[in-house]
Each structure stands twice: as C-alpha cells, then as structure tokens.
N, C-alpha and C. Protein backbone atom coordinates (compact mmCIF):
# COMPACT_ATOMS: atom_id res chain seq x y z
N MET A 1 115.30 47.71 90.85
CA MET A 1 115.99 48.59 91.24
C MET A 1 116.42 50.28 91.43
N GLY A 2 115.31 50.55 92.11
CA GLY A 2 114.87 52.00 92.21
C GLY A 2 115.64 53.62 91.58
N LEU A 3 115.18 54.26 91.41
CA LEU A 3 115.64 55.48 90.68
C LEU A 3 115.42 56.43 91.85
N TRP A 4 116.66 56.90 92.36
CA TRP A 4 116.56 58.07 92.77
C TRP A 4 116.61 59.39 92.32
N ASN A 5 115.99 60.28 92.45
CA ASN A 5 115.60 61.78 92.01
C ASN A 5 116.72 62.43 92.69
N ILE A 6 117.59 63.03 92.33
CA ILE A 6 118.82 63.79 93.24
C ILE A 6 118.28 65.42 92.58
N ARG A 7 118.16 66.53 93.75
CA ARG A 7 118.32 67.61 93.50
C ARG A 7 119.35 68.63 93.62
N ARG A 8 119.87 68.88 92.95
CA ARG A 8 121.12 69.64 93.20
C ARG A 8 121.36 70.96 94.03
N TRP A 9 122.09 70.50 94.99
CA TRP A 9 121.93 71.44 95.87
C TRP A 9 122.63 72.51 95.36
N THR A 10 122.22 73.68 96.21
CA THR A 10 122.71 75.11 95.56
C THR A 10 123.02 76.42 97.30
N LYS A 11 123.37 76.87 97.35
CA LYS A 11 123.74 77.16 98.51
C LYS A 11 122.89 78.78 98.86
N PRO A 12 122.33 78.79 100.37
CA PRO A 12 121.17 79.69 100.21
C PRO A 12 121.98 81.10 100.15
N LYS A 13 121.57 81.73 99.32
CA LYS A 13 121.65 83.38 99.62
C LYS A 13 122.18 83.78 100.71
N ALA A 14 123.15 85.00 101.02
CA ALA A 14 123.15 85.19 102.29
C ALA A 14 122.15 86.67 102.46
N ARG A 15 121.88 86.46 103.70
CA ARG A 15 120.97 87.36 104.15
C ARG A 15 121.63 89.03 103.90
N THR A 16 121.23 89.49 103.76
CA THR A 16 121.39 91.56 103.41
C THR A 16 122.25 91.95 104.73
N GLY A 17 121.71 91.68 105.88
CA GLY A 17 122.56 92.85 106.52
C GLY A 17 123.33 91.69 107.50
N ARG A 18 124.15 90.36 106.47
CA ARG A 18 125.81 89.89 107.01
C ARG A 18 126.26 90.49 106.45
N ARG A 19 125.57 91.02 104.69
CA ARG A 19 126.82 92.49 104.00
C ARG A 19 126.85 93.60 104.51
N TYR A 20 125.83 94.04 105.06
CA TYR A 20 125.83 95.13 105.45
C TYR A 20 124.89 95.38 106.84
N PRO A 21 125.43 95.06 107.69
CA PRO A 21 125.03 95.15 109.10
C PRO A 21 124.69 96.29 109.85
N THR A 22 125.24 97.69 108.93
CA THR A 22 125.23 98.73 110.25
C THR A 22 123.48 98.91 109.63
N PRO A 23 123.16 99.36 110.70
CA PRO A 23 121.59 100.04 110.24
C PRO A 23 121.55 101.40 109.37
N LEU A 24 120.33 101.33 108.81
CA LEU A 24 120.54 102.80 108.22
C LEU A 24 120.35 103.63 109.11
N SER A 25 120.86 105.16 108.71
CA SER A 25 120.38 106.36 109.61
C SER A 25 119.24 107.00 109.41
N ALA A 26 118.80 108.00 111.00
CA ALA A 26 117.26 108.28 110.12
C ALA A 26 117.14 108.59 108.70
N HIS A 27 117.59 109.71 107.51
CA HIS A 27 117.91 109.98 106.75
C HIS A 27 118.03 109.25 105.65
N GLN A 28 119.24 108.14 105.67
CA GLN A 28 118.68 107.25 105.03
C GLN A 28 118.04 105.92 105.38
N LEU A 29 117.42 106.12 106.03
CA LEU A 29 116.08 105.21 106.09
C LEU A 29 114.91 105.84 105.01
N TRP A 30 114.95 107.38 105.91
CA TRP A 30 113.94 107.80 104.59
C TRP A 30 113.89 108.17 103.74
N MET A 31 115.00 108.34 102.89
CA MET A 31 115.85 107.98 101.58
C MET A 31 115.68 106.50 100.76
N VAL A 32 115.60 106.14 101.64
CA VAL A 32 115.01 104.12 100.70
C VAL A 32 113.99 104.18 101.05
N SER A 33 113.21 104.52 102.07
CA SER A 33 111.39 104.40 101.53
C SER A 33 110.84 106.01 100.75
N LEU A 34 111.29 105.95 99.95
CA LEU A 34 110.86 106.63 98.64
C LEU A 34 109.97 105.69 97.91
N SER A 35 111.00 104.73 97.77
CA SER A 35 111.00 102.90 97.21
C SER A 35 109.98 102.46 97.57
N ALA A 36 109.69 102.75 98.90
CA ALA A 36 108.64 101.33 99.06
C ALA A 36 107.48 101.54 98.73
N PRO A 37 106.96 102.35 97.79
CA PRO A 37 105.52 101.93 97.51
C PRO A 37 105.69 100.62 95.67
N VAL A 38 106.63 100.52 95.46
CA VAL A 38 106.87 99.84 94.03
C VAL A 38 107.88 99.03 95.23
N SER A 39 108.04 98.72 96.04
CA SER A 39 108.74 97.67 96.38
C SER A 39 107.64 96.29 97.25
N ARG A 40 106.96 95.58 97.15
CA ARG A 40 106.25 95.27 97.48
C ARG A 40 106.56 93.59 97.26
N ASP A 41 107.35 93.32 96.33
CA ASP A 41 107.58 91.59 96.77
C ASP A 41 108.10 91.00 97.99
N HIS A 42 107.68 89.92 97.91
CA HIS A 42 108.21 88.99 99.73
C HIS A 42 109.32 89.04 99.52
N ASP A 43 110.35 89.45 98.68
CA ASP A 43 111.88 89.54 98.95
C ASP A 43 112.33 90.93 98.67
N ALA A 44 111.36 91.85 98.68
CA ALA A 44 112.01 92.81 99.47
C ALA A 44 112.83 93.11 100.64
N SER A 45 113.64 94.47 100.39
CA SER A 45 114.03 94.78 101.78
C SER A 45 113.80 96.52 101.76
N ARG A 46 112.88 96.95 102.35
CA ARG A 46 112.54 98.60 102.42
C ARG A 46 113.34 99.34 103.78
N THR A 47 114.10 98.90 104.62
CA THR A 47 115.41 99.21 105.57
C THR A 47 116.57 99.02 105.24
N THR A 48 117.49 98.44 104.29
CA THR A 48 118.43 98.65 103.95
C THR A 48 118.89 99.20 102.85
N LEU A 49 120.00 99.79 101.77
CA LEU A 49 120.23 100.04 100.23
C LEU A 49 119.74 99.21 100.14
N TYR A 50 120.64 98.15 99.98
CA TYR A 50 120.55 96.97 99.42
C TYR A 50 118.73 96.48 99.11
N PRO A 51 118.35 96.45 98.13
CA PRO A 51 116.82 96.35 97.76
C PRO A 51 115.99 95.44 98.10
N PHE A 52 116.71 93.43 97.85
CA PHE A 52 116.16 92.52 98.56
C PHE A 52 116.85 92.44 100.02
N THR A 53 116.02 90.71 101.24
CA THR A 53 116.41 90.96 102.35
C THR A 53 117.21 89.80 101.89
N ARG A 54 117.66 88.88 100.71
CA ARG A 54 118.98 87.99 100.42
C ARG A 54 120.07 88.22 99.71
N ILE A 55 121.13 88.78 99.03
CA ILE A 55 122.47 89.18 98.34
C ILE A 55 122.07 88.27 96.87
N ASP A 56 121.36 89.07 95.94
CA ASP A 56 121.31 88.36 94.48
C ASP A 56 121.68 89.40 93.90
N ASP A 57 122.83 89.37 93.64
CA ASP A 57 123.44 90.82 92.11
C ASP A 57 122.50 90.27 90.54
N ASP A 58 122.41 88.65 90.59
CA ASP A 58 121.36 89.08 88.95
C ASP A 58 120.58 89.24 89.09
N SER A 59 119.73 89.10 90.04
CA SER A 59 117.95 89.70 90.05
C SER A 59 118.34 91.28 89.90
N ALA A 60 119.23 91.67 90.40
CA ALA A 60 118.98 93.11 90.38
C ALA A 60 118.75 93.48 88.89
N ARG A 61 120.18 92.68 88.01
CA ARG A 61 120.91 92.69 86.70
C ARG A 61 119.69 92.96 86.13
N SER A 62 118.79 91.67 85.91
CA SER A 62 118.55 91.10 85.09
C SER A 62 117.16 91.63 84.90
N TRP A 63 116.50 92.39 86.16
CA TRP A 63 115.43 93.11 86.61
C TRP A 63 115.91 94.56 85.63
N LEU A 64 116.76 95.32 85.61
CA LEU A 64 116.64 96.60 85.30
C LEU A 64 117.38 96.36 83.92
N ALA A 65 117.56 95.41 83.25
CA ALA A 65 117.42 95.45 81.87
C ALA A 65 116.02 94.68 80.98
N GLU A 66 115.78 93.99 81.84
CA GLU A 66 114.31 93.46 80.88
C GLU A 66 113.09 94.64 81.10
N GLN A 67 113.43 95.75 81.92
CA GLN A 67 111.82 96.16 82.94
C GLN A 67 112.46 97.75 82.39
N TRP A 68 113.80 98.03 82.43
CA TRP A 68 114.64 99.63 82.08
C TRP A 68 115.36 99.41 80.12
N GLU A 69 115.75 98.23 80.69
CA GLU A 69 116.76 98.20 79.32
C GLU A 69 118.21 99.39 79.59
N ILE A 70 118.60 98.95 81.25
CA ILE A 70 119.57 99.70 81.49
C ILE A 70 120.95 98.38 81.95
N THR A 71 121.84 98.43 80.96
CA THR A 71 122.56 97.49 81.47
C THR A 71 123.98 98.19 81.81
N SER A 72 123.94 99.38 81.96
CA SER A 72 125.34 100.17 81.64
C SER A 72 125.04 101.16 82.86
N ARG A 73 126.59 101.34 83.46
CA ARG A 73 126.33 103.07 84.14
C ARG A 73 125.85 103.83 83.58
N ALA A 74 125.85 104.02 82.61
CA ALA A 74 125.97 105.73 81.19
C ALA A 74 124.45 105.88 81.33
N GLU A 75 123.30 104.09 80.89
CA GLU A 75 122.15 104.30 80.95
C GLU A 75 121.31 104.40 81.86
N LEU A 76 121.82 104.17 83.28
CA LEU A 76 121.45 104.08 84.63
C LEU A 76 121.62 105.98 84.89
N VAL A 77 122.27 106.48 84.30
CA VAL A 77 122.37 107.48 84.94
C VAL A 77 121.61 108.21 84.10
N ASP A 78 121.36 108.29 82.81
CA ASP A 78 120.29 108.76 81.73
C ASP A 78 118.79 108.79 82.43
N ARG A 79 118.47 108.00 82.66
CA ARG A 79 117.19 106.92 83.26
C ARG A 79 117.40 107.81 84.72
N LEU A 80 117.98 107.49 85.55
CA LEU A 80 117.28 108.63 85.96
C LEU A 80 117.66 110.15 86.50
N ASP A 81 118.25 110.59 85.39
CA ASP A 81 118.55 112.37 85.17
C ASP A 81 117.08 111.83 84.42
N ASP A 82 116.78 111.30 83.76
CA ASP A 82 115.31 111.70 82.84
C ASP A 82 114.07 111.49 83.88
N LEU A 83 113.95 111.09 84.85
CA LEU A 83 113.08 110.70 85.85
C LEU A 83 112.80 111.89 87.37
N SER A 84 113.72 112.52 87.42
CA SER A 84 114.60 113.89 87.87
C SER A 84 113.46 114.76 87.71
N ARG A 85 113.86 115.06 85.64
CA ARG A 85 113.09 116.69 85.58
C ARG A 85 112.25 115.90 84.79
N SER A 86 111.47 114.97 84.28
CA SER A 86 110.26 115.08 83.64
C SER A 86 109.91 114.09 84.03
N GLY A 87 110.36 112.80 83.54
CA GLY A 87 109.52 110.93 83.73
C GLY A 87 108.30 110.99 83.29
N TYR A 88 107.40 110.21 84.00
CA TYR A 88 106.10 109.93 83.48
C TYR A 88 105.54 110.63 84.20
N ARG A 89 105.86 111.85 84.51
CA ARG A 89 104.88 113.34 85.18
C ARG A 89 104.36 114.47 84.21
N ALA A 90 105.73 114.37 82.99
CA ALA A 90 104.79 115.20 82.12
C ALA A 90 103.73 115.20 81.48
N ARG A 91 103.70 113.70 81.52
CA ARG A 91 102.30 112.84 80.82
C ARG A 91 100.81 113.31 81.37
N ALA A 92 101.20 113.45 82.80
CA ALA A 92 99.84 113.05 83.54
C ALA A 92 99.88 114.53 83.86
N GLN A 93 100.73 115.47 83.40
CA GLN A 93 100.33 117.17 84.06
C GLN A 93 99.89 117.54 82.51
N ARG A 94 100.56 116.59 80.87
CA ARG A 94 99.01 117.43 79.70
C ARG A 94 97.51 116.80 79.86
N LEU A 95 97.59 116.03 80.40
CA LEU A 95 95.86 114.81 80.79
C LEU A 95 95.25 115.00 82.05
N LEU A 96 95.78 115.81 82.89
CA LEU A 96 95.00 116.23 84.17
C LEU A 96 95.59 117.77 85.12
N GLY A 97 96.71 118.21 84.28
CA GLY A 97 97.21 119.51 85.17
C GLY A 97 97.55 118.95 86.40
N VAL A 98 98.42 118.37 86.62
CA VAL A 98 98.95 117.93 87.54
C VAL A 98 100.08 117.34 87.76
N ALA A 99 100.90 117.30 87.70
CA ALA A 99 102.05 116.58 88.19
C ALA A 99 102.55 115.46 88.87
N PRO A 100 102.48 114.43 89.29
CA PRO A 100 102.61 113.58 90.51
C PRO A 100 104.42 113.10 90.17
N LEU A 101 105.21 114.20 90.84
CA LEU A 101 105.97 113.40 91.28
C LEU A 101 106.69 112.65 92.26
N ALA A 102 105.87 111.99 92.81
CA ALA A 102 106.02 110.63 94.03
C ALA A 102 106.22 109.94 93.08
N TRP A 103 105.69 109.82 91.86
CA TRP A 103 105.72 108.20 91.15
C TRP A 103 106.99 108.78 90.28
N ASP A 104 107.47 109.30 90.31
CA ASP A 104 109.28 109.22 89.53
C ASP A 104 109.98 109.45 90.60
N ALA A 105 109.72 109.38 91.59
CA ALA A 105 110.40 109.74 92.52
C ALA A 105 110.65 108.07 93.63
N ALA A 106 109.49 107.82 93.70
CA ALA A 106 109.54 106.63 93.70
C ALA A 106 110.34 105.22 92.71
N LEU A 107 109.91 105.26 91.79
CA LEU A 107 110.46 104.49 90.68
C LEU A 107 112.38 105.53 90.89
N TYR A 108 112.11 106.11 90.21
CA TYR A 108 113.92 106.14 90.87
C TYR A 108 114.26 106.02 91.92
N ALA A 109 114.19 106.01 93.12
CA ALA A 109 114.80 105.49 94.34
C ALA A 109 114.93 103.71 93.77
N ASP A 110 113.52 103.41 93.81
CA ASP A 110 114.28 101.64 93.13
C ASP A 110 114.86 101.89 92.30
N ILE A 111 115.29 102.17 90.90
CA ILE A 111 116.52 102.09 90.15
C ILE A 111 117.50 102.36 90.31
N THR A 112 117.67 103.16 91.55
CA THR A 112 118.69 103.34 92.04
C THR A 112 119.10 102.29 92.74
N ARG A 113 118.84 101.82 94.20
CA ARG A 113 118.88 101.13 94.59
C ARG A 113 118.98 100.08 94.30
N ARG A 114 118.70 99.01 92.77
CA ARG A 114 118.41 98.24 91.60
C ARG A 114 120.24 98.44 91.26
N GLY A 115 120.20 99.77 90.32
CA GLY A 115 121.97 99.49 90.25
C GLY A 115 122.92 99.52 91.44
N PHE A 116 122.37 100.07 92.24
CA PHE A 116 123.84 99.60 93.50
C PHE A 116 123.54 98.25 93.56
N ALA A 117 123.13 97.18 93.55
CA ALA A 117 122.63 95.47 93.81
C ALA A 117 123.43 95.12 92.69
N ALA A 118 123.16 95.54 91.31
CA ALA A 118 124.10 95.48 89.74
C ALA A 118 125.76 95.51 89.88
N GLY A 119 125.75 96.55 90.96
CA GLY A 119 127.28 96.97 91.01
C GLY A 119 127.32 97.89 89.96
N LEU A 120 127.00 98.36 89.13
CA LEU A 120 126.89 99.98 88.31
C LEU A 120 127.01 101.17 88.80
N ILE A 121 126.67 101.06 90.21
CA ILE A 121 127.49 102.29 91.12
C ILE A 121 127.67 102.22 91.69
N THR A 122 128.19 102.83 92.75
CA THR A 122 129.05 102.36 94.18
C THR A 122 128.31 102.54 95.35
N GLU A 123 128.25 102.29 96.17
CA GLU A 123 127.51 102.64 97.57
C GLU A 123 127.39 104.18 97.73
N ALA A 124 128.36 104.75 97.53
CA ALA A 124 128.53 106.23 97.47
C ALA A 124 128.00 106.98 96.93
N ASP A 125 127.52 105.93 95.46
CA ASP A 125 126.90 106.62 94.12
C ASP A 125 125.71 106.82 94.25
N ALA A 126 125.04 105.81 95.35
CA ALA A 126 124.07 105.47 95.49
C ALA A 126 123.07 106.10 96.34
N TRP A 127 124.14 106.56 97.74
CA TRP A 127 123.55 107.60 98.48
C TRP A 127 123.26 109.07 97.47
N THR A 128 124.45 109.20 96.98
CA THR A 128 124.52 110.67 95.93
C THR A 128 122.86 111.10 95.15
N ALA A 129 122.81 110.02 94.93
CA ALA A 129 121.52 109.91 93.82
C ALA A 129 120.32 109.73 94.72
N LEU A 130 119.64 109.27 95.65
CA LEU A 130 118.95 109.66 96.79
C LEU A 130 118.81 111.08 96.93
N LYS A 131 119.75 111.69 97.51
CA LYS A 131 120.32 112.96 97.88
C LYS A 131 119.96 113.69 97.08
N ASN A 132 119.75 113.68 96.04
CA ASN A 132 119.93 114.54 94.80
C ASN A 132 118.04 114.95 94.92
N ILE A 133 117.65 113.91 94.68
CA ILE A 133 116.19 113.43 95.45
C ILE A 133 114.79 114.27 95.79
N VAL A 134 115.87 114.07 96.70
CA VAL A 134 115.25 115.08 98.13
C VAL A 134 114.47 116.56 98.19
N PRO A 135 115.30 117.35 97.59
CA PRO A 135 114.56 118.96 97.35
C PRO A 135 113.62 118.62 97.03
N SER A 136 113.45 118.31 95.88
CA SER A 136 112.09 118.20 95.09
C SER A 136 111.10 117.67 95.80
N VAL A 137 111.27 116.34 96.53
CA VAL A 137 110.46 115.62 97.02
C VAL A 137 109.50 116.55 98.73
N VAL A 138 110.66 116.71 99.38
CA VAL A 138 109.76 117.88 100.11
C VAL A 138 109.68 118.90 99.92
N SER A 139 109.73 119.22 98.78
CA SER A 139 109.37 120.68 98.46
C SER A 139 107.47 120.58 98.20
N ALA A 140 107.39 119.17 97.43
CA ALA A 140 105.76 119.33 96.83
C ALA A 140 105.40 118.41 97.78
N TYR A 141 105.91 117.71 98.76
CA TYR A 141 104.64 117.07 99.78
C TYR A 141 105.10 117.59 100.98
N GLY A 142 103.74 117.58 102.01
CA GLY A 142 104.44 117.71 103.60
C GLY A 142 103.93 116.40 104.34
N SER A 143 103.83 115.13 103.62
CA SER A 143 103.71 113.59 104.58
C SER A 143 103.68 113.25 103.55
N TRP A 144 103.69 111.47 104.32
CA TRP A 144 103.52 110.19 103.26
C TRP A 144 102.46 109.31 102.97
N GLN A 145 101.22 110.37 104.00
CA GLN A 145 100.30 110.20 102.61
C GLN A 145 99.77 110.87 101.62
N GLU A 146 100.12 112.19 101.33
CA GLU A 146 100.22 113.18 100.36
C GLU A 146 101.42 112.66 98.97
N TYR A 147 102.19 111.96 99.87
CA TYR A 147 103.07 110.90 98.86
C TYR A 147 102.77 109.87 98.19
N ALA A 148 101.90 109.17 99.49
CA ALA A 148 101.55 107.94 98.24
C ALA A 148 99.90 108.41 97.24
N ASP A 149 99.15 109.90 98.12
CA ASP A 149 98.31 109.90 97.16
C ASP A 149 98.45 110.27 95.89
N HIS A 150 99.72 111.17 95.33
CA HIS A 150 100.13 111.21 94.31
C HIS A 150 101.13 110.14 93.57
N TYR A 151 101.36 108.71 94.86
CA TYR A 151 102.27 107.97 93.84
C TYR A 151 101.01 107.28 93.01
N LEU A 152 100.10 107.07 93.86
CA LEU A 152 99.06 106.13 92.82
C LEU A 152 97.96 107.14 91.86
N LEU A 153 98.09 108.44 91.71
CA LEU A 153 97.52 108.97 90.80
C LEU A 153 98.34 108.91 89.24
N GLY A 154 100.10 108.88 89.92
CA GLY A 154 100.84 108.89 88.96
C GLY A 154 101.20 106.89 87.75
N ARG A 155 100.79 106.42 88.98
CA ARG A 155 100.47 105.15 89.00
C ARG A 155 99.60 105.08 87.56
N LYS A 156 98.21 105.71 87.79
CA LYS A 156 97.24 104.87 87.38
C LYS A 156 97.35 106.01 85.91
N VAL A 157 97.69 106.57 85.94
CA VAL A 157 97.86 107.11 84.28
C VAL A 157 99.20 106.11 84.02
N TRP A 158 100.55 105.83 84.08
CA TRP A 158 100.68 104.60 83.03
C TRP A 158 100.24 103.73 83.39
N ARG A 159 99.63 103.23 84.21
CA ARG A 159 98.66 102.02 83.88
C ARG A 159 97.25 101.76 82.74
N ASP A 160 96.88 103.79 82.74
CA ASP A 160 95.70 103.88 81.49
C ASP A 160 96.62 103.90 80.54
N GLY A 161 98.13 103.98 80.36
CA GLY A 161 98.67 104.49 78.81
C GLY A 161 99.05 102.81 78.44
N LEU A 162 99.22 102.37 79.27
CA LEU A 162 99.83 100.19 78.78
C LEU A 162 98.89 100.38 78.68
N GLU A 163 97.81 100.44 79.19
CA GLU A 163 96.01 99.35 78.53
C GLU A 163 95.48 99.83 77.40
N ALA A 164 95.73 101.51 77.67
CA ALA A 164 95.22 102.25 75.99
C ALA A 164 96.70 102.00 74.76
N ALA A 165 97.47 101.26 74.67
CA ALA A 165 98.66 100.59 73.92
C ALA A 165 98.78 99.00 73.88
N GLN A 166 97.80 98.79 74.59
CA GLN A 166 97.30 96.74 74.49
C GLN A 166 98.50 96.41 75.01
N ASP A 167 99.64 96.61 76.05
CA ASP A 167 100.76 96.35 76.37
C ASP A 167 100.12 94.57 76.25
N PRO A 168 101.35 93.40 76.13
CA PRO A 168 101.10 92.80 76.76
C PRO A 168 101.13 92.09 77.89
N SER A 169 101.74 92.59 79.01
CA SER A 169 102.09 92.19 80.28
C SER A 169 101.66 93.63 81.17
N PRO A 170 100.53 93.96 81.02
CA PRO A 170 99.72 94.57 82.15
C PRO A 170 100.13 94.24 83.49
N PRO A 171 100.13 95.09 83.87
CA PRO A 171 101.36 95.32 85.35
C PRO A 171 99.72 94.70 86.64
N ALA A 172 100.40 94.93 88.03
CA ALA A 172 99.39 94.62 88.85
C ALA A 172 98.43 95.55 88.77
N PRO A 173 97.13 95.01 89.52
CA PRO A 173 95.28 95.76 89.11
C PRO A 173 95.77 97.33 90.06
N GLN A 174 95.18 98.27 89.79
CA GLN A 174 95.38 99.28 91.02
C GLN A 174 94.99 99.08 92.00
N ALA A 175 93.80 97.46 92.59
CA ALA A 175 93.58 97.50 93.72
C ALA A 175 94.64 97.10 94.53
N VAL A 176 95.74 96.55 94.04
CA VAL A 176 97.13 95.33 95.12
C VAL A 176 97.67 96.96 95.48
N ALA A 177 98.21 98.28 94.06
CA ALA A 177 98.83 98.77 94.41
C ALA A 177 97.71 100.25 96.04
N ASP A 178 97.03 99.72 95.54
CA ASP A 178 96.41 100.43 96.94
C ASP A 178 96.18 100.01 97.93
N ALA A 179 95.96 98.84 98.42
CA ALA A 179 96.47 98.28 99.36
C ALA A 179 97.74 97.62 99.91
N HIS A 180 98.79 97.80 99.19
CA HIS A 180 100.46 98.00 99.94
C HIS A 180 99.82 99.68 99.96
N LEU A 181 99.72 100.12 99.53
CA LEU A 181 99.60 101.65 100.48
C LEU A 181 98.93 101.95 101.41
N ARG A 182 97.63 101.14 101.99
CA ARG A 182 97.01 101.55 102.69
C ARG A 182 98.04 100.80 103.91
N ALA A 183 98.36 99.89 103.85
CA ALA A 183 99.80 99.59 104.56
C ALA A 183 100.45 100.00 105.77
N LEU A 184 101.49 100.35 104.55
CA LEU A 184 102.17 101.38 104.37
C LEU A 184 101.98 102.55 105.21
N LEU A 185 100.86 102.92 105.52
CA LEU A 185 100.33 104.50 106.01
C LEU A 185 99.78 103.92 107.51
N ASP A 186 99.37 102.80 107.49
CA ASP A 186 99.05 102.00 108.79
C ASP A 186 99.35 102.02 110.09
N PRO A 187 98.81 102.99 110.95
CA PRO A 187 100.14 103.48 112.15
C PRO A 187 99.95 102.74 112.92
N ALA A 188 99.58 100.80 112.82
CA ALA A 188 99.94 100.43 113.87
C ALA A 188 100.99 99.69 113.24
N ASN A 189 100.69 99.30 111.66
CA ASN A 189 102.55 98.20 110.90
C ASN A 189 103.53 98.86 111.67
N ARG A 190 103.96 98.18 112.45
CA ARG A 190 105.33 98.36 112.82
C ARG A 190 106.21 98.07 111.89
N ALA A 191 106.28 97.22 110.85
CA ALA A 191 107.15 97.46 109.66
C ALA A 191 107.29 97.90 109.17
N SER A 192 106.40 98.74 108.49
CA SER A 192 106.44 100.11 107.69
C SER A 192 107.53 101.16 107.92
N PRO A 193 108.61 101.11 106.76
CA PRO A 193 109.65 102.26 106.90
C PRO A 193 109.02 103.37 107.16
N TRP A 194 107.49 103.31 106.53
CA TRP A 194 107.51 105.47 106.77
C TRP A 194 106.81 105.53 108.20
N ASN A 195 106.52 104.11 109.13
CA ASN A 195 106.50 104.57 110.51
C ASN A 195 107.40 104.70 111.55
N LEU A 196 108.83 103.92 110.70
CA LEU A 196 110.23 104.21 110.92
C LEU A 196 110.71 105.42 111.07
N ALA A 197 110.37 106.27 109.78
CA ALA A 197 110.90 107.20 109.15
C ALA A 197 109.95 108.00 108.95
N PRO A 198 109.19 108.68 110.22
CA PRO A 198 108.17 109.52 110.04
C PRO A 198 108.57 110.86 108.95
N TRP A 199 107.92 111.51 108.28
CA TRP A 199 107.80 112.51 106.68
C TRP A 199 109.32 113.79 107.41
N ASP A 200 108.72 113.83 108.57
CA ASP A 200 109.55 114.91 108.71
C ASP A 200 110.57 114.72 109.60
N ALA A 201 111.35 113.61 109.55
CA ALA A 201 112.44 112.95 109.86
C ALA A 201 113.79 113.60 109.15
N ILE A 202 113.08 113.63 108.06
CA ILE A 202 114.53 114.03 106.53
C ILE A 202 114.64 116.15 107.02
N SER A 203 113.89 116.68 107.69
CA SER A 203 113.66 117.76 108.07
C SER A 203 114.83 118.39 109.37
N ARG A 204 114.32 117.08 109.94
CA ARG A 204 115.35 117.11 111.57
C ARG A 204 116.75 116.85 111.16
N PRO A 205 117.89 116.99 112.22
CA PRO A 205 119.20 116.34 112.55
C PRO A 205 119.08 114.96 111.88
N ASP A 206 120.35 114.66 111.47
CA ASP A 206 120.37 112.87 111.61
C ASP A 206 120.88 112.18 112.61
N ARG A 207 119.85 111.03 112.67
CA ARG A 207 120.73 110.48 113.95
C ARG A 207 120.30 108.72 113.67
N ALA A 208 121.91 108.28 114.43
CA ALA A 208 121.67 106.98 114.28
C ALA A 208 120.44 105.99 114.90
N ARG A 209 120.17 105.29 114.24
CA ARG A 209 118.96 104.30 114.88
C ARG A 209 118.78 103.08 115.25
C-alpha cells in the first residue's frame, strides 16, 4: 500500500489591491516612490502605500524586528526621527564632504511603509510621516536622476562601512543596486513609479491618477 505525501493547503494571501483598491494620487505615488530604490524584491509593490503586492503583515513585522530592531510604535518613530535629522549621511559627510540625503530618505520611506503594514502606525500616520520628509528632499534635488545618484553614493558609504566592520551578512553587490536604479530611470520602463510620477509632480497641484 503506497503512502501519499499530503501537502498542507494554505489560503493564498490576498492581493494588496483588494484591501486598498483606490489608486494613489500623483503626490501620494511620488512620496511612495522615494522608497523605490530599496524596493527590489519580487513581491515589492511600488505603486501602493502597502509595501507588498500581497497582504503580508507578518513579513513586515519580522523585517522591522530583524533589520532595524523595531517592534513598537515608539521605536519606529525614534528611527524615523533619526533618519530625518542625520541618519547615515552624517558619516558620508565626514568621509566625503557630501551628505547624500537620498539614501536616508529612501530608508525613511521604506520603514514608514513597513511600519504601516506591521500595524505600528495608521495609514494617516504613514502619510503624515512621508509628507514630513518631502520638503527636505525637494530642496536637495531637482530630478529622480539626482536622487538616484545620491542614493547610490549613500549606499556605497554604508556598504563600505559594513565591509570594514566585517559584517557576517553582506548586502547585495553595488552592481545589483546600480542595475535596479537604471531600470527605474529608464524612460521606456512603463512600470517604473518614477515615470508614473515624474519629479516635478510633487510641485504641481495634486490630482487623481
């Protein structure tokens, strides 16, 4: 008599669009797009406030705890405050004389979105947090290209610091980040949020998409 291997059936996770069906406005998509450089995973959503294409609150909670030691609203707020005030760009300023805000802004937006998914902040709180970083970013850069250049500079300084400290879990090679940024900046890439929300969109009146 043969034995059957029975796999436990699990209900597929709901797609993000079913929980949040209303498309983002132009300003909202622009703010979400600040995190596009760090949203490389296949399950990442780049056109919704929720960071994944399918609802997965547990993954957001696990990632925040493992990568940032964030398990509470207070810890999330403290980390966002640090990234907005100085973040990793302070080290770059000491080493290079340049403070790449884009690196910290991308992390700030990414953590905000995951904090929302993890239930540490409300949707309204998340939008408020993203709005708070906009003036600094707009005053520092004039295009997504400039933003991308400084993001890559900040990432390199961060990565070099990890290598110097002999971190046991090295990040993805710089070439991977370079390729991802090229795809985001490619004018022929219709899926790029940077093409869907051009840089100057945040300086024009908001509109529905």
